[in-house]
Amino acid sequence: MKKITIIVFFLIIGLTSCSSQQEVKTNLPWKTESVYFQRWIGGQERTGSGINFYLKFSEPFSPNFHLKKVYFRNQEANFIKENETTFIARFYQKPINSDLILDGNASNEYGNSSPEIIKSKFDLKDNEAILEFEQDHKTQFFKINSVKEKELLAYPSTRPRN
């Protein structure tokens, strides 16, 4: 009886772990024209920086498909539909807190907030991304293996007021 209980226990553990894993497909059902990202930085102090992720398809896809999110570089962002074939996801990095206290005596650093560590759902390389689609209320994931990087976009600072 004890052996049966142990076997059933491991069988249940095995089945639940398999069902919780998400299937990631490597071939998109639509042809992409371009997939790239572009870093940007603000031109003024405390404006922050970020990454814009661009996805352009060759033709519009079926209305029962909805492009939801992209997972890229340990972050996730929702897509914004720019037109029928172009989608953009924006990742924003907040400016570094200048009120951070660094001191040789750790007790003087009291009050500093701890860094926020975010673990992604997927283990990806720097040039890989996962696209999340929804079709007929069923979520699907597609992996893109070679996301290209375009040149940094540096926004100019404003002219000083006189």
C-alpha atoms as a PDB file:
ATOM      1  CA  MET A   1       0.000   0.000   0.000  1.00  0.00           C
ATOM      2  CA  LYS A   2       2.874   2.339   0.849  1.00  0.00           C
ATOM      3  CA  LYS A   3       4.469   1.768  -2.595  1.00  0.00           C
ATOM      4  CA  ILE A   4       1.203   2.593  -4.362  1.00  0.00           C
ATOM      5  CA  THR A   5       0.866   5.837  -2.392  1.00  0.00           C
ATOM      6  CA  ILE A   6       4.418   6.865  -3.316  1.00  0.00           C
ATOM      7  CA  ILE A   7       3.857   6.026  -7.015  1.00  0.00           C
ATOM      8  CA  VAL A   8       0.580   7.988  -7.100  1.00  0.00           C
ATOM      9  CA  PHE A   9       2.272  10.946  -5.393  1.00  0.00           C
ATOM     10  CA  PHE A  10       5.086  11.104  -7.982  1.00  0.00           C
ATOM     11  CA  LEU A  11       2.614  10.595 -10.832  1.00  0.00           C
ATOM     12  CA  ILE A  12       0.528  13.572  -9.644  1.00  0.00           C
ATOM     13  CA  ILE A  13       3.648  15.733  -9.241  1.00  0.00           C
ATOM     14  CA  GLY A  14       4.822  14.780 -12.746  1.00  0.00           C
ATOM     15  CA  LEU A  15       1.463  15.509 -14.380  1.00  0.00           C
ATOM     16  CA  THR A  16       0.979  18.887 -12.697  1.00  0.00           C
ATOM     17  CA  SER A  17       4.489  20.078 -13.566  1.00  0.00           C
ATOM     18  CA  CYS A  18       4.000  19.140 -17.232  1.00  0.00           C
ATOM     19  CA  SER A  19       0.686  20.970 -17.483  1.00  0.00           C
ATOM     20  CA  SER A  20       2.084  24.165 -15.944  1.00  0.00           C
ATOM     21  CA  GLN A  21       4.879  24.473 -18.526  1.00  0.00           C
ATOM     22  CA  GLN A  22       4.060  26.651 -21.525  1.00  0.00           C
ATOM     23  CA  GLU A  23       4.671  25.404 -25.037  1.00  0.00           C
ATOM     24  CA  VAL A  24       6.796  27.833 -27.023  1.00  0.00           C
ATOM     25  CA  LYS A  25       6.649  27.525 -30.807  1.00  0.00           C
ATOM     26  CA  THR A  26       9.494  28.702 -33.017  1.00  0.00           C
ATOM     27  CA  ASN A  27       7.672  29.315 -36.298  1.00  0.00           C
ATOM     28  CA  LEU A  28       5.262  32.219 -36.473  1.00  0.00           C
ATOM     29  CA  PRO A  29       2.196  31.527 -38.629  1.00  0.00           C
ATOM     30  CA  TRP A  30       2.694  34.946 -40.302  1.00  0.00           C
ATOM     31  CA  LYS A  31       5.641  36.333 -42.201  1.00  0.00           C
ATOM     32  CA  THR A  32       7.449  39.157 -40.448  1.00  0.00           C
ATOM     33  CA  GLU A  33       8.892  42.046 -42.400  1.00  0.00           C
ATOM     34  CA  SER A  34      11.107  43.274 -39.562  1.00  0.00           C
ATOM     35  CA  VAL A  35      11.754  42.662 -35.881  1.00  0.00           C
ATOM     36  CA  TYR A  36      14.096  45.004 -34.066  1.00  0.00           C
ATOM     37  CA  PHE A  37      14.612  47.053 -30.929  1.00  0.00           C
ATOM     38  CA  GLN A  38      15.986  50.521 -30.390  1.00  0.00           C
ATOM     39  CA  ARG A  39      17.339  51.942 -27.162  1.00  0.00           C
ATOM     40  CA  TRP A  40      16.553  55.550 -26.309  1.00  0.00           C
ATOM     41  CA  ILE A  41      17.678  58.022 -23.682  1.00  0.00           C
ATOM     42  CA  GLY A  42      16.028  61.227 -22.571  1.00  0.00           C
ATOM     43  CA  GLY A  43      17.806  64.496 -23.097  1.00  0.00           C
ATOM     44  CA  GLN A  44      17.236  65.870 -19.620  1.00  0.00           C
ATOM     45  CA  GLU A  45      18.144  64.765 -16.146  1.00  0.00           C
ATOM     46  CA  ARG A  46      15.612  62.329 -14.613  1.00  0.00           C
ATOM     47  CA  THR A  47      13.823  61.645 -17.922  1.00  0.00           C
ATOM     48  CA  GLY A  48      14.963  58.037 -17.934  1.00  0.00           C
ATOM     49  CA  SER A  49      15.686  55.704 -20.800  1.00  0.00           C
ATOM     50  CA  GLY A  50      14.199  52.644 -22.400  1.00  0.00           C
ATOM     51  CA  ILE A  51      13.845  50.240 -25.272  1.00  0.00           C
ATOM     52  CA  ASN A  52      11.239  50.316 -28.017  1.00  0.00           C
ATOM     53  CA  PHE A  53      10.554  46.879 -29.522  1.00  0.00           C
ATOM     54  CA  TYR A  54       9.189  46.972 -33.104  1.00  0.00           C
ATOM     55  CA  LEU A  55       7.379  44.152 -34.878  1.00  0.00           C
ATOM     56  CA  LYS A  56       6.173  44.563 -38.463  1.00  0.00           C
ATOM     57  CA  PHE A  57       4.285  41.839 -40.314  1.00  0.00           C
ATOM     58  CA  SER A  58       4.124  41.506 -44.114  1.00  0.00           C
ATOM     59  CA  GLU A  59       0.328  41.488 -44.036  1.00  0.00           C
ATOM     60  CA  PRO A  60      -2.438  41.804 -41.417  1.00  0.00           C
ATOM     61  CA  PHE A  61      -3.314  38.640 -39.572  1.00  0.00           C
ATOM     62  CA  SER A  62      -6.681  37.129 -38.733  1.00  0.00           C
ATOM     63  CA  PRO A  63      -8.929  39.173 -36.406  1.00  0.00           C
ATOM     64  CA  ASN A  64      -9.296  36.213 -34.016  1.00  0.00           C
ATOM     65  CA  PHE A  65      -5.564  36.598 -33.185  1.00  0.00           C
ATOM     66  CA  HIS A  66      -4.555  39.224 -30.647  1.00  0.00           C
ATOM     67  CA  LEU A  67      -0.908  40.133 -30.099  1.00  0.00           C
ATOM     68  CA  LYS A  68      -0.608  40.762 -26.356  1.00  0.00           C
ATOM     69  CA  LYS A  69       2.924  40.924 -24.940  1.00  0.00           C
ATOM     70  CA  VAL A  70       6.602  40.552 -25.624  1.00  0.00           C
ATOM     71  CA  TYR A  71       9.121  39.079 -23.183  1.00  0.00           C
ATOM     72  CA  PHE A  72      12.554  40.545 -23.834  1.00  0.00           C
ATOM     73  CA  ARG A  73      15.684  40.974 -21.676  1.00  0.00           C
ATOM     74  CA  ASN A  74      14.015  39.922 -18.403  1.00  0.00           C
ATOM     75  CA  GLN A  75      11.144  42.347 -18.964  1.00  0.00           C
ATOM     76  CA  GLU A  76       7.674  42.178 -20.394  1.00  0.00           C
ATOM     77  CA  ALA A  77       5.592  44.831 -22.119  1.00  0.00           C
ATOM     78  CA  ASN A  78       2.217  45.064 -23.817  1.00  0.00           C
ATOM     79  CA  PHE A  79       2.066  45.754 -27.533  1.00  0.00           C
ATOM     80  CA  ILE A  80       0.491  48.889 -28.944  1.00  0.00           C
ATOM     81  CA  LYS A  81      -1.024  48.538 -32.402  1.00  0.00           C
ATOM     82  CA  GLU A  82       0.327  51.305 -34.611  1.00  0.00           C
ATOM     83  CA  ASN A  83      -1.456  50.089 -37.770  1.00  0.00           C
ATOM     84  CA  GLU A  84      -2.682  46.782 -39.225  1.00  0.00           C
ATOM     85  CA  THR A  85       0.828  45.359 -39.577  1.00  0.00           C
ATOM     86  CA  THR A  86       3.024  47.280 -37.110  1.00  0.00           C
ATOM     87  CA  PHE A  87       3.179  46.842 -33.335  1.00  0.00           C
ATOM     88  CA  ILE A  88       5.369  48.537 -30.717  1.00  0.00           C
ATOM     89  CA  ALA A  89       6.168  47.540 -27.135  1.00  0.00           C
ATOM     90  CA  ARG A  90       7.868  50.066 -24.863  1.00  0.00           C
ATOM     91  CA  PHE A  91      10.177  49.170 -21.990  1.00  0.00           C
ATOM     92  CA  TYR A  92      10.911  52.084 -19.671  1.00  0.00           C
ATOM     93  CA  GLN A  93      13.799  52.289 -17.230  1.00  0.00           C
ATOM     94  CA  LYS A  94      13.283  54.772 -14.440  1.00  0.00           C
ATOM     95  CA  PRO A  95      16.097  57.201 -13.766  1.00  0.00           C
ATOM     96  CA  ILE A  96      18.513  56.206 -11.023  1.00  0.00           C
ATOM     97  CA  ASN A  97      17.563  57.583  -7.627  1.00  0.00           C
ATOM     98  CA  SER A  98      20.043  60.325  -6.807  1.00  0.00           C
ATOM     99  CA  ASP A  99      19.011  60.191  -3.135  1.00  0.00           C
ATOM    100  CA  LEU A 100      20.872  56.894  -2.727  1.00  0.00           C
ATOM    101  CA  ILE A 101      23.322  57.021   0.185  1.00  0.00           C
ATOM    102  CA  LEU A 102      26.607  55.143  -0.265  1.00  0.00           C
ATOM    103  CA  ASP A 103      28.933  55.050   2.710  1.00  0.00           C
ATOM    104  CA  GLY A 104      31.767  52.938   4.094  1.00  0.00           C
ATOM    105  CA  ASN A 105      29.699  52.559   7.266  1.00  0.00           C
ATOM    106  CA  ALA A 106      26.665  50.421   6.393  1.00  0.00           C
ATOM    107  CA  SER A 107      24.543  51.918   9.183  1.00  0.00           C
ATOM    108  CA  ASN A 108      24.696  55.295   7.387  1.00  0.00           C
ATOM    109  CA  GLU A 109      23.014  53.682   4.380  1.00  0.00           C
ATOM    110  CA  TYR A 110      19.866  53.024   6.410  1.00  0.00           C
ATOM    111  CA  GLY A 111      16.820  54.213   4.473  1.00  0.00           C
ATOM    112  CA  ASN A 112      18.037  53.144   1.021  1.00  0.00           C
ATOM    113  CA  SER A 113      15.462  50.985  -0.698  1.00  0.00           C
ATOM    114  CA  SER A 114      16.577  47.581  -1.906  1.00  0.00           C
ATOM    115  CA  PRO A 115      16.853  47.036  -5.673  1.00  0.00           C
ATOM    116  CA  GLU A 116      13.885  45.478  -7.415  1.00  0.00           C
ATOM    117  CA  ILE A 117      14.896  42.147  -8.965  1.00  0.00           C
ATOM    118  CA  ILE A 118      12.520  40.840 -11.618  1.00  0.00           C
ATOM    119  CA  LYS A 119      12.731  37.270 -12.876  1.00  0.00           C
ATOM    120  CA  SER A 120      11.290  36.675 -16.326  1.00  0.00           C
ATOM    121  CA  LYS A 121       8.964  33.793 -17.171  1.00  0.00           C
ATOM    122  CA  PHE A 122      11.433  32.687 -19.855  1.00  0.00           C
ATOM    123  CA  ASP A 123      15.179  32.139 -19.940  1.00  0.00           C
ATOM    124  CA  LEU A 124      16.263  34.095 -23.026  1.00  0.00           C
ATOM    125  CA  LYS A 125      19.479  35.356 -24.606  1.00  0.00           C
ATOM    126  CA  ASP A 126      19.888  39.106 -25.226  1.00  0.00           C
ATOM    127  CA  ASN A 127      18.791  38.813 -28.875  1.00  0.00           C
ATOM    128  CA  GLU A 128      15.789  36.526 -28.223  1.00  0.00           C
ATOM    129  CA  ALA A 129      12.177  37.422 -27.516  1.00  0.00           C
ATOM    130  CA  ILE A 130       8.921  35.596 -26.820  1.00  0.00           C
ATOM    131  CA  LEU A 131       5.696  36.906 -28.351  1.00  0.00           C
ATOM    132  CA  GLU A 132       2.427  36.189 -26.562  1.00  0.00           C
ATOM    133  CA  PHE A 133      -0.664  35.824 -28.761  1.00  0.00           C
ATOM    134  CA  GLU A 134      -4.231  34.992 -27.899  1.00  0.00           C
ATOM    135  CA  GLN A 135      -6.413  33.030 -30.319  1.00  0.00           C
ATOM    136  CA  ASP A 136     -10.006  32.202 -29.389  1.00  0.00           C
ATOM    137  CA  HIS A 137      -9.205  32.766 -25.671  1.00  0.00           C
ATOM    138  CA  LYS A 138      -6.202  30.397 -25.828  1.00  0.00           C
ATOM    139  CA  THR A 139      -2.712  31.791 -25.171  1.00  0.00           C
ATOM    140  CA  GLN A 140       0.153  30.879 -27.499  1.00  0.00           C
ATOM    141  CA  PHE A 141       3.854  31.728 -27.304  1.00  0.00           C
ATOM    142  CA  PHE A 142       6.272  32.161 -30.210  1.00  0.00           C
ATOM    143  CA  LYS A 143      10.029  32.569 -29.928  1.00  0.00           C
ATOM    144  CA  ILE A 144      12.062  34.926 -32.112  1.00  0.00           C
ATOM    145  CA  ASN A 145      15.748  34.000 -32.151  1.00  0.00           C
ATOM    146  CA  SER A 146      17.488  36.956 -33.751  1.00  0.00           C
ATOM    147  CA  VAL A 147      16.143  40.380 -32.806  1.00  0.00           C
ATOM    148  CA  LYS A 148      18.252  43.096 -34.426  1.00  0.00           C
ATOM    149  CA  GLU A 149      19.361  46.247 -32.610  1.00  0.00           C
ATOM    150  CA  LYS A 150      19.136  49.656 -34.289  1.00  0.00           C
ATOM    151  CA  GLU A 151      21.269  52.668 -33.388  1.00  0.00           C
ATOM    152  CA  LEU A 152      20.630  54.453 -30.084  1.00  0.00           C
ATOM    153  CA  LEU A 153      18.068  57.251 -30.241  1.00  0.00           C
ATOM    154  CA  ALA A 154      19.265  60.136 -28.061  1.00  0.00           C
ATOM    155  CA  TYR A 155      16.610  62.785 -27.565  1.00  0.00           C
ATOM    156  CA  PRO A 156      18.085  66.286 -27.436  1.00  0.00           C
ATOM    157  CA  SER A 157      17.918  68.353 -24.312  1.00  0.00           C
ATOM    158  CA  THR A 158      15.804  71.483 -24.334  1.00  0.00           C
ATOM    159  CA  ARG A 159      17.313  74.885 -24.782  1.00  0.00           C
ATOM    160  CA  PRO A 160      17.966  76.763 -21.541  1.00  0.00           C
ATOM    161  CA  ARG A 161      15.436  79.435 -20.607  1.00  0.00           C
ATOM    162  CA  ASN A 162      16.778  82.990 -20.406  1.00  0.00           C
END
